[in-house]
């Protein structure tokens, strides 16, 4: 498997815009749901970083490449380190086994992409 993170991040906005134009009600329904849940939980709630790490783990567990790429980026923007991102992927592997393990290169490719752009520390 080859994972070209740069190509994904370059093409994803146009891909989603096309999907939104073909099915605008899907985005109009999903967007507020996502935005309502994926914000800081306030006192006693989960932080955005924690929620994104959970979302990443689920993306890895269900073997969804766009989910993995999207949530690696969101994890890093929420302040997660590369180590925390890989730990979340590791928990997914522990729960899902070998088939899930084969998706850790997607996580690594995304981290490598963001190490080049400066969003992720190479050894963070």
N, C-alpha and C. Protein backbone atom coordinates (compact mmCIF):
# COMPACT_ATOMS: atom_id res chain seq x y z
N UNK A 1 0.84 -1.19 0.00
CA UNK A 1 0.00 0.00 0.00
C UNK A 1 0.88 1.25 0.00
N UNK A 2 0.58 2.17 -0.87
CA UNK A 2 1.23 3.46 -0.87
C UNK A 2 0.26 4.49 -0.32
N UNK A 3 0.78 5.34 0.52
CA UNK A 3 -0.07 6.37 1.12
C UNK A 3 0.54 7.72 0.83
N UNK A 4 -0.09 8.47 -0.04
CA UNK A 4 0.40 9.78 -0.42
C UNK A 4 -0.41 10.85 0.30
N UNK A 5 0.06 11.19 1.49
CA UNK A 5 -0.67 12.15 2.31
C UNK A 5 -0.77 13.51 1.63
N UNK A 6 0.31 13.94 0.99
CA UNK A 6 0.28 15.25 0.33
C UNK A 6 -0.80 15.31 -0.74
N UNK A 7 -0.92 14.24 -1.50
CA UNK A 7 -1.94 14.18 -2.55
C UNK A 7 -3.34 14.23 -1.92
N UNK A 8 -3.52 13.50 -0.82
CA UNK A 8 -4.82 13.52 -0.14
C UNK A 8 -5.17 14.94 0.29
N UNK A 9 -4.26 15.58 1.03
CA UNK A 9 -4.56 16.92 1.56
C UNK A 9 -4.76 17.94 0.45
N UNK A 10 -4.11 17.73 -0.68
CA UNK A 10 -4.27 18.63 -1.82
C UNK A 10 -5.64 18.46 -2.49
N UNK A 11 -6.10 17.21 -2.60
CA UNK A 11 -7.33 16.94 -3.35
C UNK A 11 -8.59 16.90 -2.50
N UNK A 12 -8.47 16.72 -1.20
CA UNK A 12 -9.64 16.52 -0.35
C UNK A 12 -10.64 17.67 -0.38
N UNK A 13 -10.22 18.93 -0.31
CA UNK A 13 -11.23 20.01 -0.36
C UNK A 13 -12.10 19.95 -1.62
N UNK A 14 -11.49 19.72 -2.77
CA UNK A 14 -12.28 19.65 -4.01
C UNK A 14 -13.19 18.42 -4.00
N UNK A 15 -12.70 17.32 -3.46
CA UNK A 15 -13.51 16.11 -3.37
C UNK A 15 -14.74 16.35 -2.51
N UNK A 16 -14.56 16.98 -1.35
CA UNK A 16 -15.70 17.25 -0.46
C UNK A 16 -16.64 18.30 -1.05
N UNK A 17 -16.08 19.30 -1.74
CA UNK A 17 -16.95 20.30 -2.37
C UNK A 17 -17.84 19.67 -3.43
N UNK A 18 -17.29 18.72 -4.19
CA UNK A 18 -18.09 18.02 -5.20
C UNK A 18 -19.21 17.24 -4.51
N UNK A 19 -18.87 16.53 -3.42
CA UNK A 19 -19.88 15.76 -2.70
C UNK A 19 -20.97 16.69 -2.14
N UNK A 20 -20.56 17.83 -1.61
CA UNK A 20 -21.52 18.80 -1.06
C UNK A 20 -22.44 19.34 -2.15
N UNK A 21 -21.91 19.54 -3.36
CA UNK A 21 -22.75 20.06 -4.44
C UNK A 21 -23.75 19.01 -4.91
N UNK A 22 -23.39 17.74 -4.84
CA UNK A 22 -24.28 16.66 -5.27
C UNK A 22 -25.31 16.30 -4.20
N UNK A 23 -24.93 16.49 -2.94
CA UNK A 23 -25.83 16.14 -1.83
C UNK A 23 -25.76 17.18 -0.73
N UNK A 24 -26.24 18.39 -1.00
CA UNK A 24 -26.08 19.49 -0.03
C UNK A 24 -26.75 19.23 1.32
N UNK A 25 -27.81 18.46 1.34
CA UNK A 25 -28.49 18.21 2.61
C UNK A 25 -27.65 17.37 3.56
N UNK A 26 -26.78 16.54 3.01
CA UNK A 26 -25.92 15.71 3.86
C UNK A 26 -24.99 16.61 4.67
N UNK A 27 -24.29 17.50 3.98
CA UNK A 27 -23.38 18.42 4.65
C UNK A 27 -24.09 19.36 5.60
N UNK A 28 -25.26 19.84 5.19
CA UNK A 28 -26.03 20.74 6.05
C UNK A 28 -26.48 20.06 7.33
N UNK A 29 -26.68 18.76 7.26
CA UNK A 29 -27.10 18.01 8.44
C UNK A 29 -25.90 17.58 9.28
N UNK A 30 -24.86 17.09 8.63
CA UNK A 30 -23.70 16.57 9.35
C UNK A 30 -22.86 17.68 9.98
N UNK A 31 -22.69 18.79 9.26
CA UNK A 31 -21.83 19.88 9.73
C UNK A 31 -22.16 20.37 11.13
N UNK A 32 -23.40 20.77 11.40
CA UNK A 32 -23.72 21.25 12.75
C UNK A 32 -23.57 20.16 13.82
N UNK A 33 -23.86 18.92 13.48
CA UNK A 33 -23.70 17.81 14.40
C UNK A 33 -22.23 17.68 14.78
N UNK A 34 -21.35 17.66 13.77
CA UNK A 34 -19.91 17.57 14.00
C UNK A 34 -19.42 18.75 14.83
N UNK A 35 -19.77 19.95 14.42
CA UNK A 35 -19.30 21.15 15.10
C UNK A 35 -19.81 21.24 16.54
N UNK A 36 -21.02 20.77 16.77
CA UNK A 36 -21.58 20.79 18.12
C UNK A 36 -20.87 19.84 19.06
N UNK A 37 -20.46 18.71 18.55
CA UNK A 37 -19.80 17.72 19.39
C UNK A 37 -18.29 17.90 19.51
N UNK A 38 -17.66 18.38 18.48
CA UNK A 38 -16.20 18.42 18.45
C UNK A 38 -15.64 19.76 18.93
N UNK A 39 -16.25 20.30 19.94
CA UNK A 39 -15.72 21.51 20.58
C UNK A 39 -15.36 21.16 22.02
N UNK A 40 -14.65 22.06 22.68
CA UNK A 40 -14.24 21.82 24.04
C UNK A 40 -15.45 21.56 24.93
N UNK A 41 -15.35 20.53 25.74
CA UNK A 41 -16.47 20.14 26.61
C UNK A 41 -16.61 20.97 27.86
N UNK A 42 -15.73 21.95 28.04
CA UNK A 42 -15.84 22.79 29.22
C UNK A 42 -15.41 22.06 30.49
N UNK A 43 -15.73 22.63 31.60
CA UNK A 43 -15.34 22.06 32.89
C UNK A 43 -15.91 20.64 33.05
N UNK A 44 -15.02 19.70 33.22
CA UNK A 44 -15.44 18.32 33.42
C UNK A 44 -15.66 17.54 32.14
N UNK A 45 -15.62 18.22 30.99
CA UNK A 45 -15.83 17.54 29.71
C UNK A 45 -14.51 17.27 29.02
N UNK A 46 -14.60 16.58 27.90
CA UNK A 46 -13.40 16.27 27.13
C UNK A 46 -12.91 17.48 26.34
N UNK A 47 -11.61 17.60 26.24
CA UNK A 47 -11.01 18.66 25.44
C UNK A 47 -11.15 18.30 23.96
N UNK A 48 -10.97 19.28 23.10
CA UNK A 48 -10.97 19.04 21.66
C UNK A 48 -9.88 18.03 21.31
N UNK A 49 -8.71 18.17 21.92
CA UNK A 49 -7.61 17.25 21.64
C UNK A 49 -8.02 15.81 21.98
N UNK A 50 -8.63 15.60 23.12
CA UNK A 50 -9.06 14.25 23.50
C UNK A 50 -10.10 13.71 22.53
N UNK A 51 -11.04 14.55 22.15
CA UNK A 51 -12.08 14.11 21.20
C UNK A 51 -11.47 13.75 19.85
N UNK A 52 -10.50 14.53 19.41
CA UNK A 52 -9.87 14.25 18.12
C UNK A 52 -9.04 12.97 18.17
N UNK A 53 -8.37 12.73 19.29
CA UNK A 53 -7.61 11.48 19.43
C UNK A 53 -8.55 10.28 19.43
N UNK A 54 -9.71 10.41 20.06
CA UNK A 54 -10.72 9.34 20.03
C UNK A 54 -11.21 9.14 18.60
N UNK A 55 -11.53 10.24 17.93
CA UNK A 55 -12.01 10.14 16.55
C UNK A 55 -10.97 9.49 15.65
N UNK A 56 -9.70 9.83 15.86
CA UNK A 56 -8.63 9.21 15.08
C UNK A 56 -8.59 7.71 15.35
N UNK A 57 -8.65 7.33 16.61
CA UNK A 57 -8.63 5.90 16.95
C UNK A 57 -9.77 5.15 16.30
N UNK A 58 -10.93 5.74 16.27
CA UNK A 58 -12.07 5.11 15.62
C UNK A 58 -11.85 5.04 14.12
N UNK A 59 -11.33 6.10 13.53
CA UNK A 59 -11.03 6.10 12.10
C UNK A 59 -10.07 4.99 11.72
N UNK A 60 -9.04 4.79 12.56
CA UNK A 60 -8.09 3.70 12.31
C UNK A 60 -8.80 2.36 12.48
N UNK A 61 -9.58 2.23 13.55
CA UNK A 61 -10.25 0.96 13.84
C UNK A 61 -11.22 0.54 12.73
N UNK A 62 -11.87 1.52 12.11
CA UNK A 62 -12.83 1.17 11.04
C UNK A 62 -12.17 1.23 9.66
N UNK A 63 -10.87 1.51 9.64
CA UNK A 63 -10.07 1.48 8.42
C UNK A 63 -10.56 2.48 7.36
N UNK A 64 -10.77 3.70 7.82
CA UNK A 64 -11.25 4.78 6.96
C UNK A 64 -10.10 5.76 6.70
N UNK A 65 -9.48 5.65 5.53
CA UNK A 65 -8.33 6.52 5.23
C UNK A 65 -8.67 8.01 5.29
N UNK A 66 -9.77 8.48 4.68
CA UNK A 66 -10.06 9.91 4.81
C UNK A 66 -10.26 10.34 6.26
N UNK A 67 -10.85 9.48 7.07
CA UNK A 67 -11.02 9.79 8.50
C UNK A 67 -9.66 9.92 9.18
N UNK A 68 -8.77 9.00 8.87
CA UNK A 68 -7.44 9.02 9.48
C UNK A 68 -6.72 10.32 9.10
N UNK A 69 -6.66 10.60 7.81
CA UNK A 69 -5.98 11.82 7.37
C UNK A 69 -6.60 13.06 8.00
N UNK A 70 -7.90 13.14 7.99
CA UNK A 70 -8.59 14.32 8.53
C UNK A 70 -8.34 14.49 10.02
N UNK A 71 -8.42 13.39 10.76
CA UNK A 71 -8.30 13.52 12.21
C UNK A 71 -6.85 13.61 12.68
N UNK A 72 -5.89 13.11 11.92
CA UNK A 72 -4.49 13.39 12.27
C UNK A 72 -4.28 14.90 12.22
N UNK A 73 -4.73 15.52 11.15
CA UNK A 73 -4.57 16.98 11.04
C UNK A 73 -5.27 17.69 12.19
N UNK A 74 -6.50 17.30 12.48
CA UNK A 74 -7.26 17.96 13.56
C UNK A 74 -6.62 17.70 14.93
N UNK A 75 -6.06 16.50 15.13
CA UNK A 75 -5.34 16.21 16.39
C UNK A 75 -4.18 17.17 16.57
N UNK A 76 -3.38 17.31 15.52
CA UNK A 76 -2.21 18.18 15.60
C UNK A 76 -2.63 19.63 15.83
N UNK A 77 -3.66 20.08 15.13
CA UNK A 77 -4.13 21.45 15.31
C UNK A 77 -4.70 21.68 16.71
N UNK A 78 -5.18 20.60 17.35
CA UNK A 78 -5.70 20.70 18.72
C UNK A 78 -4.60 20.56 19.77
N UNK A 79 -3.35 20.39 19.31
CA UNK A 79 -2.23 20.37 20.24
C UNK A 79 -1.66 19.00 20.57
N UNK A 80 -2.13 17.96 19.90
CA UNK A 80 -1.58 16.63 20.14
C UNK A 80 -0.18 16.52 19.56
N UNK A 81 0.64 15.73 20.20
CA UNK A 81 1.97 15.46 19.68
C UNK A 81 1.91 14.26 18.74
N UNK A 82 2.97 14.08 17.97
CA UNK A 82 3.06 12.91 17.10
C UNK A 82 2.96 11.63 17.92
N UNK A 83 3.57 11.62 19.09
CA UNK A 83 3.53 10.45 19.97
C UNK A 83 2.10 10.16 20.40
N UNK A 84 1.34 11.19 20.77
CA UNK A 84 -0.06 10.98 21.18
C UNK A 84 -0.89 10.43 20.02
N UNK A 85 -0.62 10.93 18.83
CA UNK A 85 -1.34 10.45 17.64
C UNK A 85 -1.05 8.97 17.43
N UNK A 86 0.22 8.59 17.50
CA UNK A 86 0.57 7.19 17.31
C UNK A 86 0.05 6.32 18.45
N UNK A 87 -0.01 6.86 19.67
CA UNK A 87 -0.60 6.10 20.78
C UNK A 87 -2.07 5.82 20.53
N UNK A 88 -2.79 6.81 20.01
CA UNK A 88 -4.22 6.61 19.69
C UNK A 88 -4.35 5.52 18.62
N UNK A 89 -3.47 5.55 17.64
CA UNK A 89 -3.49 4.50 16.61
C UNK A 89 -3.18 3.15 17.23
N UNK A 90 -2.26 3.12 18.17
CA UNK A 90 -1.90 1.88 18.84
C UNK A 90 -3.04 1.28 19.63
N UNK A 91 -3.82 2.12 20.28
CA UNK A 91 -4.99 1.62 21.01
C UNK A 91 -5.98 1.00 20.03
N UNK A 92 -6.16 1.63 18.88
CA UNK A 92 -7.05 1.07 17.86
C UNK A 92 -6.55 -0.29 17.40
N UNK A 93 -5.24 -0.43 17.22
CA UNK A 93 -4.66 -1.71 16.81
C UNK A 93 -4.89 -2.76 17.89
N UNK A 94 -4.70 -2.38 19.14
CA UNK A 94 -4.91 -3.31 20.24
C UNK A 94 -6.35 -3.82 20.25
N UNK A 95 -7.29 -2.97 19.92
CA UNK A 95 -8.70 -3.37 19.91
C UNK A 95 -9.08 -4.13 18.65
N UNK A 96 -8.43 -3.81 17.52
CA UNK A 96 -8.85 -4.37 16.24
C UNK A 96 -7.92 -5.40 15.62
N UNK A 97 -6.71 -5.51 16.12
CA UNK A 97 -5.79 -6.53 15.63
C UNK A 97 -5.12 -6.21 14.31
N UNK A 98 -4.69 -7.28 13.64
CA UNK A 98 -3.89 -7.18 12.42
C UNK A 98 -4.48 -6.35 11.31
N UNK A 99 -5.76 -6.51 10.97
CA UNK A 99 -6.31 -5.71 9.88
C UNK A 99 -6.24 -4.20 10.17
N UNK A 100 -6.39 -3.83 11.42
CA UNK A 100 -6.29 -2.42 11.79
C UNK A 100 -4.83 -1.96 11.75
N UNK A 101 -3.92 -2.84 12.15
CA UNK A 101 -2.50 -2.52 12.13
C UNK A 101 -2.04 -2.09 10.75
N UNK A 102 -2.63 -2.66 9.71
CA UNK A 102 -2.23 -2.31 8.35
C UNK A 102 -2.56 -0.87 7.98
N UNK A 103 -3.32 -0.18 8.82
CA UNK A 103 -3.65 1.23 8.56
C UNK A 103 -2.76 2.20 9.33
N UNK A 104 -1.86 1.69 10.15
CA UNK A 104 -0.94 2.61 10.83
C UNK A 104 0.01 3.33 9.87
N UNK A 105 0.36 2.75 8.70
CA UNK A 105 1.16 3.54 7.76
C UNK A 105 0.43 4.80 7.26
N UNK A 106 -0.88 4.78 7.24
CA UNK A 106 -1.64 5.98 6.85
C UNK A 106 -1.40 7.08 7.89
N UNK A 107 -1.46 6.69 9.16
CA UNK A 107 -1.21 7.64 10.25
C UNK A 107 0.22 8.18 10.13
N UNK A 108 1.17 7.28 9.92
CA UNK A 108 2.58 7.69 9.80
C UNK A 108 2.79 8.62 8.61
N UNK A 109 2.14 8.32 7.49
CA UNK A 109 2.27 9.18 6.30
C UNK A 109 1.71 10.57 6.57
N UNK A 110 0.59 10.63 7.27
CA UNK A 110 0.00 11.93 7.61
C UNK A 110 0.94 12.71 8.53
N UNK A 111 1.50 12.03 9.53
CA UNK A 111 2.43 12.72 10.43
C UNK A 111 3.66 13.20 9.67
N UNK A 112 4.18 12.38 8.79
CA UNK A 112 5.34 12.78 8.00
C UNK A 112 5.03 14.01 7.15
N UNK A 113 3.83 14.03 6.57
CA UNK A 113 3.41 15.20 5.78
C UNK A 113 3.44 16.46 6.65
N UNK A 114 2.90 16.36 7.86
CA UNK A 114 2.82 17.54 8.71
C UNK A 114 4.15 17.88 9.39
N UNK A 115 5.06 16.90 9.49
CA UNK A 115 6.41 17.21 9.95
C UNK A 115 7.10 18.10 8.93
N UNK A 116 6.85 17.83 7.65
CA UNK A 116 7.45 18.65 6.58
C UNK A 116 6.87 20.06 6.55
N UNK A 117 5.60 20.20 6.93
CA UNK A 117 4.97 21.52 6.90
C UNK A 117 5.17 22.29 8.20
N UNK A 118 5.67 21.60 9.24
CA UNK A 118 5.92 22.26 10.51
C UNK A 118 4.78 22.14 11.51
N UNK A 119 3.69 21.50 11.14
CA UNK A 119 2.56 21.37 12.08
C UNK A 119 2.86 20.33 13.15
N UNK A 120 3.61 19.30 12.81
CA UNK A 120 3.95 18.25 13.76
C UNK A 120 5.45 18.24 13.99
N UNK A 121 5.84 18.10 15.24
CA UNK A 121 7.26 17.96 15.55
C UNK A 121 7.72 16.57 15.14
N UNK A 122 8.88 16.47 14.55
CA UNK A 122 9.39 15.20 14.05
C UNK A 122 9.46 14.13 15.14
N UNK A 123 9.70 14.52 16.35
CA UNK A 123 9.81 13.54 17.43
C UNK A 123 8.91 13.88 18.59
N UNK A 124 7.84 14.66 18.30
CA UNK A 124 6.94 15.10 19.38
C UNK A 124 6.00 14.05 19.85
